[in-house]
Amino acid sequence: MTNNSFAAAILVDQSPMAVFAAVKRPREWWGA
């Protein structure tokens, strides 16, 4: 899904804001 692609892009980009957003909403990024 798009979430997986977005998460992969975040891991590759390693942007502080992106990482912070992933930490704030792990369910949306990891689809838990």
C-alpha atoms as a PDB file:
ATOM      1  CA  MET A   1       0.000   0.000   0.000  1.00  0.00           C
ATOM      2  CA  THR A   2       0.969   3.658  -0.113  1.00  0.00           C
ATOM      3  CA  ASN A   3       1.800   3.602   3.589  1.00  0.00           C
ATOM      4  CA  ASN A   4       4.544   1.023   3.045  1.00  0.00           C
ATOM      5  CA  SER A   5       6.037   3.068   0.210  1.00  0.00           C
ATOM      6  CA  PHE A   6       5.885   6.197   2.343  1.00  0.00           C
ATOM      7  CA  ALA A   7       7.549   4.420   5.267  1.00  0.00           C
ATOM      8  CA  ALA A   8      10.295   3.152   2.959  1.00  0.00           C
ATOM      9  CA  ALA A   9      10.832   6.676   1.630  1.00  0.00           C
ATOM     10  CA  ILE A  10      11.095   7.954   5.197  1.00  0.00           C
ATOM     11  CA  LEU A  11      13.687   5.332   6.093  1.00  0.00           C
ATOM     12  CA  VAL A  12      15.704   6.221   3.008  1.00  0.00           C
ATOM     13  CA  ASP A  13      15.318   9.974   3.430  1.00  0.00           C
ATOM     14  CA  GLN A  14      15.830   9.927   7.213  1.00  0.00           C
ATOM     15  CA  SER A  15      14.174  13.336   7.482  1.00  0.00           C
ATOM     16  CA  PRO A  16      13.835  14.462  11.124  1.00  0.00           C
ATOM     17  CA  MET A  17      10.278  15.684  10.548  1.00  0.00           C
ATOM     18  CA  ALA A  18       9.297  12.498   8.730  1.00  0.00           C
ATOM     19  CA  VAL A  19      10.781  10.357  11.499  1.00  0.00           C
ATOM     20  CA  PHE A  20       9.007  12.457  14.128  1.00  0.00           C
ATOM     21  CA  ALA A  21       5.697  12.041  12.286  1.00  0.00           C
ATOM     22  CA  ALA A  22       6.263   8.276  12.081  1.00  0.00           C
ATOM     23  CA  VAL A  23       6.899   8.180  15.822  1.00  0.00           C
ATOM     24  CA  LYS A  24       3.756  10.209  16.504  1.00  0.00           C
ATOM     25  CA  ARG A  25       1.588   7.949  14.323  1.00  0.00           C
ATOM     26  CA  PRO A  26       3.267   4.512  14.176  1.00  0.00           C
ATOM     27  CA  ARG A  27      -0.086   2.820  13.514  1.00  0.00           C
ATOM     28  CA  GLU A  28      -0.558   4.725  10.260  1.00  0.00           C
ATOM     29  CA  TRP A  29       2.993   4.082   9.053  1.00  0.00           C
ATOM     30  CA  TRP A  30       3.242   0.424  10.042  1.00  0.00           C
ATOM     31  CA  GLY A  31      -0.444  -0.340   9.478  1.00  0.00           C
ATOM     32  CA  ALA A  32      -0.706  -1.928  12.939  1.00  0.00           C
END
